[in-house]
Amino acid sequence: MLDIKNIRKTFNPNTVNEKIALNGIDLHLDDGDFVTIIGGNGAGKSTMLNAIAGVWPVDSGSIIIDGTDITHLPEHKRAALLGRVFQDPMTGTAATMQIEENLALAARRGEKRTLRIGITNEERNVYREKLATLGLGLEDRMTAKVGLLSGGQRQALTLLMATLKKPKLLMLDEHTAALDPHTAAKVLSLSEQIVTENKIMTLMVTHNMRDAIRYGNRLIMMNEGRIILDISGEEKKNLTIEILMDAFAKASGETFANDRILLTQ
């Protein structure tokens, strides 16, 4: 379903600020895979997601989703295939629009724009049912402006919007990092529920080792633009933070010393 083949990306090449961000990434995901991604700052985690999304072109390699080569497609033409939730709860929604209007925009993602305006009663019923599954009472506030919602409520709404039209690939880019621990746990639980029930192929970047180990059926660790660990099956089920850190040291030849990740053990 997803094939990333030898993608490379260097920023500011041939200058003193040259940075090799992706150094020959190879990755294959099957339909329904839920993969967590962990690594230190500058490891290439978000850069890889940006490459898939088409935020900027890769220098070489290919990206194939569901048999379609999207390597050279512009960002807007990939929109119908992808869903994405960012770290900032304010990024994925329009604050001045109502909850139901935000959902309507998400429901029409990738479709041709027409002169039709308004939201039908049938659409409202669908949105109300979907919102009810979040357990946040938003189904009773569908005409409220999104800017009035808390960060956790907005992130849960963004998650619902990203999966309203089942994407081929869902990308969660540290989507709970800006939330308090209780709210983050709620959003992660909702993420797992939505991904599992809809069997959505998912990449979830996190800086939290416990979350990387707990969620998904597979874990990859990145370092200096490469994937250095790929753990799944029984090995992932038996994984601990200590085992993960030891595996990193063996694979990279260095001690894992990223403060942000170590502080969230």
C-alpha atoms as a PDB file:
ATOM      1  CA  MET A   1       0.000   0.000   0.000  1.00  0.00           C
ATOM      2  CA  LEU A   2       2.904   2.374   0.715  1.00  0.00           C
ATOM      3  CA  ASP A   3       6.328   1.954  -0.848  1.00  0.00           C
ATOM      4  CA  ILE A   4       9.079   4.454  -0.184  1.00  0.00           C
ATOM      5  CA  LYS A   5      12.145   3.592  -2.222  1.00  0.00           C
ATOM      6  CA  ASN A   6      15.548   5.158  -1.558  1.00  0.00           C
ATOM      7  CA  ILE A   7      14.283   8.707  -1.037  1.00  0.00           C
ATOM      8  CA  ARG A   8      16.881  11.370  -0.378  1.00  0.00           C
ATOM      9  CA  LYS A   9      16.604  15.017   0.562  1.00  0.00           C
ATOM     10  CA  THR A  10      19.360  17.521   1.264  1.00  0.00           C
ATOM     11  CA  PHE A  11      18.636  21.072   2.318  1.00  0.00           C
ATOM     12  CA  ASN A  12      20.969  23.910   1.275  1.00  0.00           C
ATOM     13  CA  PRO A  13      23.241  21.624  -0.777  1.00  0.00           C
ATOM     14  CA  ASN A  14      26.827  22.728  -1.442  1.00  0.00           C
ATOM     15  CA  THR A  15      26.694  25.431   1.233  1.00  0.00           C
ATOM     16  CA  VAL A  16      27.982  25.700   4.798  1.00  0.00           C
ATOM     17  CA  ASN A  17      24.383  25.040   5.930  1.00  0.00           C
ATOM     18  CA  GLU A  18      24.069  21.751   4.019  1.00  0.00           C
ATOM     19  CA  LYS A  19      21.869  19.272   5.895  1.00  0.00           C
ATOM     20  CA  ILE A  20      21.217  15.714   4.745  1.00  0.00           C
ATOM     21  CA  ALA A  21      17.666  15.199   6.023  1.00  0.00           C
ATOM     22  CA  LEU A  22      16.787  11.884   4.347  1.00  0.00           C
ATOM     23  CA  ASN A  23      19.607   9.537   3.451  1.00  0.00           C
ATOM     24  CA  GLY A  24      18.207   6.686   1.369  1.00  0.00           C
ATOM     25  CA  ILE A  25      14.947   5.842   3.163  1.00  0.00           C
ATOM     26  CA  ASP A  26      13.290   2.527   2.255  1.00  0.00           C
ATOM     27  CA  LEU A  27       9.952   1.687   3.849  1.00  0.00           C
ATOM     28  CA  HIS A  28       7.034  -0.604   2.994  1.00  0.00           C
ATOM     29  CA  LEU A  29       3.652  -0.551   4.739  1.00  0.00           C
ATOM     30  CA  ASP A  30       0.784  -2.940   4.173  1.00  0.00           C
ATOM     31  CA  ASP A  31      -2.869  -1.954   4.337  1.00  0.00           C
ATOM     32  CA  GLY A  32      -3.883  -1.504   7.975  1.00  0.00           C
ATOM     33  CA  ASP A  33      -0.353  -1.134   9.363  1.00  0.00           C
ATOM     34  CA  PHE A  34      -0.131   1.296  12.297  1.00  0.00           C
ATOM     35  CA  VAL A  35       3.522   2.338  12.539  1.00  0.00           C
ATOM     36  CA  THR A  36       4.967   4.546  15.264  1.00  0.00           C
ATOM     37  CA  ILE A  37       8.107   6.553  14.462  1.00  0.00           C
ATOM     38  CA  ILE A  38      10.580   7.740  17.073  1.00  0.00           C
ATOM     39  CA  GLY A  39      13.982   9.404  16.963  1.00  0.00           C
ATOM     40  CA  GLY A  40      15.903  12.442  18.159  1.00  0.00           C
ATOM     41  CA  ASN A  41      15.662  15.995  16.843  1.00  0.00           C
ATOM     42  CA  GLY A  42      16.789  16.136  13.223  1.00  0.00           C
ATOM     43  CA  ALA A  43      16.460  12.370  12.748  1.00  0.00           C
ATOM     44  CA  GLY A  44      14.197  12.871   9.716  1.00  0.00           C
ATOM     45  CA  LYS A  45      10.792  11.922  11.156  1.00  0.00           C
ATOM     46  CA  SER A  46       8.723  14.939  10.135  1.00  0.00           C
ATOM     47  CA  THR A  47      10.879  15.404   7.040  1.00  0.00           C
ATOM     48  CA  MET A  48       9.788  11.971   5.816  1.00  0.00           C
ATOM     49  CA  LEU A  49       6.125  12.858   6.381  1.00  0.00           C
ATOM     50  CA  ASN A  50       6.613  16.137   4.512  1.00  0.00           C
ATOM     51  CA  ALA A  51       8.171  14.222   1.631  1.00  0.00           C
ATOM     52  CA  ILE A  52       5.138  11.920   1.447  1.00  0.00           C
ATOM     53  CA  ALA A  53       2.771  14.900   1.624  1.00  0.00           C
ATOM     54  CA  GLY A  54       4.619  16.729  -1.141  1.00  0.00           C
ATOM     55  CA  VAL A  55       5.497  19.791   0.918  1.00  0.00           C
ATOM     56  CA  TRP A  56       8.680  19.881  -1.136  1.00  0.00           C
ATOM     57  CA  PRO A  57      10.150  17.561  -3.798  1.00  0.00           C
ATOM     58  CA  VAL A  58      12.631  14.842  -2.874  1.00  0.00           C
ATOM     59  CA  ASP A  59      16.024  14.846  -4.582  1.00  0.00           C
ATOM     60  CA  SER A  60      15.727  11.203  -5.690  1.00  0.00           C
ATOM     61  CA  GLY A  61      13.804   8.009  -5.031  1.00  0.00           C
ATOM     62  CA  SER A  62      10.104   7.246  -5.330  1.00  0.00           C
ATOM     63  CA  ILE A  63       6.926   7.297  -3.227  1.00  0.00           C
ATOM     64  CA  ILE A  64       4.097   4.956  -4.224  1.00  0.00           C
ATOM     65  CA  ILE A  65       0.686   4.776  -2.533  1.00  0.00           C
ATOM     66  CA  ASP A  66      -1.791   2.052  -3.486  1.00  0.00           C
ATOM     67  CA  GLY A  67       0.064   1.460  -6.741  1.00  0.00           C
ATOM     68  CA  THR A  68       0.111   5.147  -7.724  1.00  0.00           C
ATOM     69  CA  ASP A  69       3.473   6.873  -8.046  1.00  0.00           C
ATOM     70  CA  ILE A  70       2.988  10.245  -6.326  1.00  0.00           C
ATOM     71  CA  THR A  71       6.671  11.245  -6.276  1.00  0.00           C
ATOM     72  CA  HIS A  72       6.208  14.154  -8.655  1.00  0.00           C
ATOM     73  CA  LEU A  73       2.593  15.076  -7.887  1.00  0.00           C
ATOM     74  CA  PRO A  74       2.043  18.550  -6.387  1.00  0.00           C
ATOM     75  CA  GLU A  75       0.833  18.712  -2.792  1.00  0.00           C
ATOM     76  CA  HIS A  76      -2.798  19.522  -3.613  1.00  0.00           C
ATOM     77  CA  LYS A  77      -3.122  16.503  -5.910  1.00  0.00           C
ATOM     78  CA  ARG A  78      -2.136  14.166  -3.065  1.00  0.00           C
ATOM     79  CA  ALA A  79      -4.838  15.546  -0.756  1.00  0.00           C
ATOM     80  CA  ALA A  80      -7.452  12.926  -1.667  1.00  0.00           C
ATOM     81  CA  LEU A  81      -5.029  10.126  -0.703  1.00  0.00           C
ATOM     82  CA  LEU A  82      -3.733  11.517   2.576  1.00  0.00           C
ATOM     83  CA  GLY A  83      -4.972  12.606   5.972  1.00  0.00           C
ATOM     84  CA  ARG A  84      -2.699  14.513   8.354  1.00  0.00           C
ATOM     85  CA  VAL A  85      -2.856  15.868  11.893  1.00  0.00           C
ATOM     86  CA  PHE A  86      -0.131  18.281  13.012  1.00  0.00           C
ATOM     87  CA  GLN A  87       1.370  19.084  16.408  1.00  0.00           C
ATOM     88  CA  ASP A  88      -0.366  22.463  16.673  1.00  0.00           C
ATOM     89  CA  PRO A  89      -4.118  22.029  17.418  1.00  0.00           C
ATOM     90  CA  MET A  90      -4.755  25.323  15.598  1.00  0.00           C
ATOM     91  CA  THR A  91      -3.350  24.091  12.274  1.00  0.00           C
ATOM     92  CA  GLY A  92      -5.956  21.615  11.062  1.00  0.00           C
ATOM     93  CA  THR A  93      -9.156  23.616  11.510  1.00  0.00           C
ATOM     94  CA  ALA A  94     -10.626  26.991  10.527  1.00  0.00           C
ATOM     95  CA  ALA A  95     -11.202  28.876  13.791  1.00  0.00           C
ATOM     96  CA  THR A  96     -13.793  31.327  12.477  1.00  0.00           C
ATOM     97  CA  MET A  97     -15.981  28.611  10.937  1.00  0.00           C
ATOM     98  CA  GLN A  98     -18.505  26.376  12.678  1.00  0.00           C
ATOM     99  CA  ILE A  99     -17.779  22.762  13.595  1.00  0.00           C
ATOM    100  CA  GLU A 100     -20.194  21.501  10.940  1.00  0.00           C
ATOM    101  CA  GLU A 101     -18.656  23.802   8.319  1.00  0.00           C
ATOM    102  CA  ASN A 102     -15.179  22.432   9.079  1.00  0.00           C
ATOM    103  CA  LEU A 103     -16.512  18.896   8.696  1.00  0.00           C
ATOM    104  CA  ALA A 104     -18.173  19.810   5.404  1.00  0.00           C
ATOM    105  CA  LEU A 105     -14.837  21.069   4.058  1.00  0.00           C
ATOM    106  CA  ALA A 106     -13.180  17.815   5.096  1.00  0.00           C
ATOM    107  CA  ALA A 107     -15.967  15.741   3.525  1.00  0.00           C
ATOM    108  CA  ARG A 108     -15.405  17.470   0.183  1.00  0.00           C
ATOM    109  CA  ARG A 109     -11.619  17.160   0.203  1.00  0.00           C
ATOM    110  CA  GLY A 110     -10.298  16.190  -3.204  1.00  0.00           C
ATOM    111  CA  GLU A 111     -13.613  16.879  -4.962  1.00  0.00           C
ATOM    112  CA  LYS A 112     -14.189  19.507  -7.629  1.00  0.00           C
ATOM    113  CA  ARG A 113     -15.582  22.756  -6.270  1.00  0.00           C
ATOM    114  CA  THR A 114     -19.121  23.658  -7.346  1.00  0.00           C
ATOM    115  CA  LEU A 115     -21.530  26.514  -6.769  1.00  0.00           C
ATOM    116  CA  ARG A 116     -23.515  24.381  -4.323  1.00  0.00           C
ATOM    117  CA  ILE A 117     -23.583  25.946  -0.886  1.00  0.00           C
ATOM    118  CA  GLY A 118     -24.930  24.898   2.471  1.00  0.00           C
ATOM    119  CA  ILE A 119     -25.021  21.636   4.392  1.00  0.00           C
ATOM    120  CA  THR A 120     -27.898  19.210   3.942  1.00  0.00           C
ATOM    121  CA  ASN A 121     -29.802  17.622   6.829  1.00  0.00           C
ATOM    122  CA  GLU A 122     -28.468  14.254   5.717  1.00  0.00           C
ATOM    123  CA  GLU A 123     -24.912  15.555   6.022  1.00  0.00           C
ATOM    124  CA  ARG A 124     -25.659  17.016   9.455  1.00  0.00           C
ATOM    125  CA  ASN A 125     -26.921  13.649  10.681  1.00  0.00           C
ATOM    126  CA  VAL A 126     -23.695  11.984   9.515  1.00  0.00           C
ATOM    127  CA  TYR A 127     -21.563  14.636  11.204  1.00  0.00           C
ATOM    128  CA  ARG A 128     -23.572  14.335  14.426  1.00  0.00           C
ATOM    129  CA  GLU A 129     -23.041  10.566  14.501  1.00  0.00           C
ATOM    130  CA  LYS A 130     -19.318  10.917  13.845  1.00  0.00           C
ATOM    131  CA  LEU A 131     -18.893  13.606  16.504  1.00  0.00           C
ATOM    132  CA  ALA A 132     -20.740  11.481  19.056  1.00  0.00           C
ATOM    133  CA  THR A 133     -18.083   8.770  18.725  1.00  0.00           C
ATOM    134  CA  LEU A 134     -15.524  11.217  20.148  1.00  0.00           C
ATOM    135  CA  GLY A 135     -17.349  11.321  23.482  1.00  0.00           C
ATOM    136  CA  LEU A 136     -16.737  15.063  23.896  1.00  0.00           C
ATOM    137  CA  GLY A 137     -20.288  16.387  23.473  1.00  0.00           C
ATOM    138  CA  LEU A 138     -19.409  18.186  20.238  1.00  0.00           C
ATOM    139  CA  GLU A 139     -22.442  16.684  18.496  1.00  0.00           C
ATOM    140  CA  ASP A 140     -24.546  19.163  20.519  1.00  0.00           C
ATOM    141  CA  ARG A 141     -22.364  22.133  19.518  1.00  0.00           C
ATOM    142  CA  MET A 142     -22.217  21.751  15.745  1.00  0.00           C
ATOM    143  CA  THR A 143     -22.874  25.455  15.064  1.00  0.00           C
ATOM    144  CA  ALA A 144     -20.240  26.626  17.568  1.00  0.00           C
ATOM    145  CA  LYS A 145     -17.154  28.359  16.178  1.00  0.00           C
ATOM    146  CA  VAL A 146     -14.132  26.071  16.311  1.00  0.00           C
ATOM    147  CA  GLY A 147     -12.067  28.866  17.843  1.00  0.00           C
ATOM    148  CA  LEU A 148     -14.085  28.441  21.046  1.00  0.00           C
ATOM    149  CA  LEU A 149     -12.949  24.831  21.521  1.00  0.00           C
ATOM    150  CA  SER A 150     -10.112  23.693  23.760  1.00  0.00           C
ATOM    151  CA  GLY A 151      -6.864  22.407  22.247  1.00  0.00           C
ATOM    152  CA  GLY A 152      -7.848  18.804  22.895  1.00  0.00           C
ATOM    153  CA  GLN A 153     -11.300  19.268  21.376  1.00  0.00           C
ATOM    154  CA  ARG A 154      -9.790  20.900  18.286  1.00  0.00           C
ATOM    155  CA  GLN A 155      -7.247  18.110  17.894  1.00  0.00           C
ATOM    156  CA  ALA A 156      -9.959  15.457  18.221  1.00  0.00           C
ATOM    157  CA  LEU A 157     -12.002  17.331  15.602  1.00  0.00           C
ATOM    158  CA  THR A 158      -8.946  17.561  13.319  1.00  0.00           C
ATOM    159  CA  LEU A 159      -8.440  13.812  13.697  1.00  0.00           C
ATOM    160  CA  LEU A 160     -12.061  13.205  12.709  1.00  0.00           C
ATOM    161  CA  MET A 161     -11.722  15.562   9.739  1.00  0.00           C
ATOM    162  CA  ALA A 162      -8.559  13.803   8.558  1.00  0.00           C
ATOM    163  CA  THR A 163     -10.340  10.436   8.537  1.00  0.00           C
ATOM    164  CA  LEU A 164     -13.867  11.503   7.520  1.00  0.00           C
ATOM    165  CA  LYS A 165     -13.102  10.379   3.985  1.00  0.00           C
ATOM    166  CA  LYS A 166     -10.977   7.314   4.674  1.00  0.00           C
ATOM    167  CA  PRO A 167      -7.500   8.240   3.434  1.00  0.00           C
ATOM    168  CA  LYS A 168      -5.084   5.749   1.932  1.00  0.00           C
ATOM    169  CA  LEU A 169      -2.562   6.940   4.528  1.00  0.00           C
ATOM    170  CA  LEU A 170      -3.023   8.834   7.791  1.00  0.00           C
ATOM    171  CA  MET A 171      -0.048  10.795   9.143  1.00  0.00           C
ATOM    172  CA  LEU A 172      -0.025  11.867  12.789  1.00  0.00           C
ATOM    173  CA  ASP A 173       2.866  14.275  13.310  1.00  0.00           C
ATOM    174  CA  GLU A 174       3.417  14.530  17.093  1.00  0.00           C
ATOM    175  CA  HIS A 175      -0.281  15.351  17.289  1.00  0.00           C
ATOM    176  CA  THR A 176      -0.471  15.172  21.101  1.00  0.00           C
ATOM    177  CA  ALA A 177       2.804  16.971  21.938  1.00  0.00           C
ATOM    178  CA  ALA A 178       1.098  20.322  22.637  1.00  0.00           C
ATOM    179  CA  LEU A 179      -1.593  18.820  24.900  1.00  0.00           C
ATOM    180  CA  ASP A 180      -1.578  18.187  28.640  1.00  0.00           C
ATOM    181  CA  PRO A 181      -1.011  14.506  29.636  1.00  0.00           C
ATOM    182  CA  HIS A 182      -4.687  13.734  30.345  1.00  0.00           C
ATOM    183  CA  THR A 183      -5.914  15.280  27.090  1.00  0.00           C
ATOM    184  CA  ALA A 184      -3.056  13.694  25.136  1.00  0.00           C
ATOM    185  CA  ALA A 185      -4.047  10.248  26.458  1.00  0.00           C
ATOM    186  CA  LYS A 186      -7.654  10.863  25.353  1.00  0.00           C
ATOM    187  CA  VAL A 187      -6.632  11.935  21.842  1.00  0.00           C
ATOM    188  CA  LEU A 188      -4.252   8.959  21.512  1.00  0.00           C
ATOM    189  CA  SER A 189      -7.023   6.587  22.565  1.00  0.00           C
ATOM    190  CA  LEU A 190      -9.351   8.151  19.974  1.00  0.00           C
ATOM    191  CA  SER A 191      -6.602   7.849  17.360  1.00  0.00           C
ATOM    192  CA  GLU A 192      -6.160   4.155  18.048  1.00  0.00           C
ATOM    193  CA  GLN A 193      -9.924   3.608  17.981  1.00  0.00           C
ATOM    194  CA  ILE A 194     -10.422   5.360  14.634  1.00  0.00           C
ATOM    195  CA  VAL A 195      -7.369   3.745  13.020  1.00  0.00           C
ATOM    196  CA  THR A 196      -8.272   0.244  14.210  1.00  0.00           C
ATOM    197  CA  GLU A 197     -11.984   0.387  13.414  1.00  0.00           C
ATOM    198  CA  ASN A 198     -11.397   1.757   9.910  1.00  0.00           C
ATOM    199  CA  LYS A 199      -8.192  -0.241   9.241  1.00  0.00           C
ATOM    200  CA  ILE A 200      -6.367   2.911   8.129  1.00  0.00           C
ATOM    201  CA  MET A 201      -2.690   2.647   7.228  1.00  0.00           C
ATOM    202  CA  THR A 202      -1.013   5.057   9.648  1.00  0.00           C
ATOM    203  CA  LEU A 203       2.349   6.663  10.396  1.00  0.00           C
ATOM    204  CA  MET A 204       2.521   8.270  13.855  1.00  0.00           C
ATOM    205  CA  VAL A 205       5.533  10.372  14.817  1.00  0.00           C
ATOM    206  CA  THR A 206       5.993  10.681  18.578  1.00  0.00           C
ATOM    207  CA  HIS A 207       8.698  11.799  20.997  1.00  0.00           C
ATOM    208  CA  ASN A 208       7.256   9.613  23.762  1.00  0.00           C
ATOM    209  CA  MET A 209       8.884   6.180  24.025  1.00  0.00           C
ATOM    210  CA  ARG A 210       6.011   4.687  26.001  1.00  0.00           C
ATOM    211  CA  ASP A 211       3.495   5.767  23.369  1.00  0.00           C
ATOM    212  CA  ALA A 212       5.724   4.482  20.557  1.00  0.00           C
ATOM    213  CA  ILE A 213       5.881   1.092  22.263  1.00  0.00           C
ATOM    214  CA  ARG A 214       2.230   0.939  23.338  1.00  0.00           C
ATOM    215  CA  TYR A 215       0.500   1.928  20.106  1.00  0.00           C
ATOM    216  CA  GLY A 216       0.563   0.338  16.676  1.00  0.00           C
ATOM    217  CA  ASN A 217       1.729  -3.011  15.367  1.00  0.00           C
ATOM    218  CA  ARG A 218       5.155  -1.788  14.329  1.00  0.00           C
ATOM    219  CA  LEU A 219       7.816   0.667  15.510  1.00  0.00           C
ATOM    220  CA  ILE A 220      10.602   2.274  13.523  1.00  0.00           C
ATOM    221  CA  MET A 221      13.424   4.411  14.888  1.00  0.00           C
ATOM    222  CA  MET A 222      15.216   7.013  12.783  1.00  0.00           C
ATOM    223  CA  ASN A 223      18.653   8.539  13.180  1.00  0.00           C
ATOM    224  CA  GLU A 224      20.498  10.959  10.892  1.00  0.00           C
ATOM    225  CA  GLY A 225      18.025  10.535   8.046  1.00  0.00           C
ATOM    226  CA  ARG A 226      17.978   6.747   8.133  1.00  0.00           C
ATOM    227  CA  ILE A 227      15.722   4.035   9.530  1.00  0.00           C
ATOM    228  CA  ILE A 228      17.964   2.128  11.939  1.00  0.00           C
ATOM    229  CA  LEU A 229      15.373  -0.038  13.716  1.00  0.00           C
ATOM    230  CA  ASP A 230      12.184  -1.715  12.478  1.00  0.00           C
ATOM    231  CA  ILE A 231      10.394  -3.736  15.163  1.00  0.00           C
ATOM    232  CA  SER A 232       7.090  -5.601  14.840  1.00  0.00           C
ATOM    233  CA  GLY A 233       5.203  -8.715  15.929  1.00  0.00           C
ATOM    234  CA  GLU A 234       6.132 -10.453  19.170  1.00  0.00           C
ATOM    235  CA  GLU A 235       9.339  -8.453  19.397  1.00  0.00           C
ATOM    236  CA  LYS A 236       7.324  -5.219  19.655  1.00  0.00           C
ATOM    237  CA  LYS A 237       4.869  -6.713  22.143  1.00  0.00           C
ATOM    238  CA  ASN A 238       7.780  -7.564  24.451  1.00  0.00           C
ATOM    239  CA  LEU A 239       9.533  -4.245  23.936  1.00  0.00           C
ATOM    240  CA  THR A 240      10.539  -2.037  26.891  1.00  0.00           C
ATOM    241  CA  ILE A 241      12.204   1.374  27.007  1.00  0.00           C
ATOM    242  CA  GLU A 242      15.433  -0.224  28.195  1.00  0.00           C
ATOM    243  CA  ILE A 243      15.449  -2.762  25.351  1.00  0.00           C
ATOM    244  CA  LEU A 244      14.670  -0.003  22.835  1.00  0.00           C
ATOM    245  CA  MET A 245      17.521   2.197  24.058  1.00  0.00           C
ATOM    246  CA  ASP A 246      19.952  -0.740  23.985  1.00  0.00           C
ATOM    247  CA  ALA A 247      18.836  -1.593  20.438  1.00  0.00           C
ATOM    248  CA  PHE A 248      19.403   2.023  19.392  1.00  0.00           C
ATOM    249  CA  ALA A 249      22.913   1.989  20.817  1.00  0.00           C
ATOM    250  CA  LYS A 250      23.777  -1.220  18.959  1.00  0.00           C
ATOM    251  CA  ALA A 251      22.262  -0.047  15.648  1.00  0.00           C
ATOM    252  CA  SER A 252      23.751   3.459  15.695  1.00  0.00           C
ATOM    253  CA  GLY A 253      26.973   2.945  17.617  1.00  0.00           C
ATOM    254  CA  GLU A 254      26.079   5.768  19.990  1.00  0.00           C
ATOM    255  CA  THR A 255      24.123   6.359  23.191  1.00  0.00           C
ATOM    256  CA  PHE A 256      20.591   7.701  22.842  1.00  0.00           C
ATOM    257  CA  ALA A 257      20.713  11.117  24.505  1.00  0.00           C
ATOM    258  CA  ASN A 258      17.774  13.185  23.272  1.00  0.00           C
ATOM    259  CA  ASP A 259      16.546  15.156  26.289  1.00  0.00           C
ATOM    260  CA  ARG A 260      13.026  15.704  24.975  1.00  0.00           C
ATOM    261  CA  ILE A 261      12.433  11.986  24.535  1.00  0.00           C
ATOM    262  CA  LEU A 262      14.210  10.901  27.703  1.00  0.00           C
ATOM    263  CA  LEU A 263      12.128  13.310  29.789  1.00  0.00           C
ATOM    264  CA  THR A 264       8.888  11.731  28.511  1.00  0.00           C
ATOM    265  CA  GLN A 265       9.774   8.140  29.386  1.00  0.00           C
END
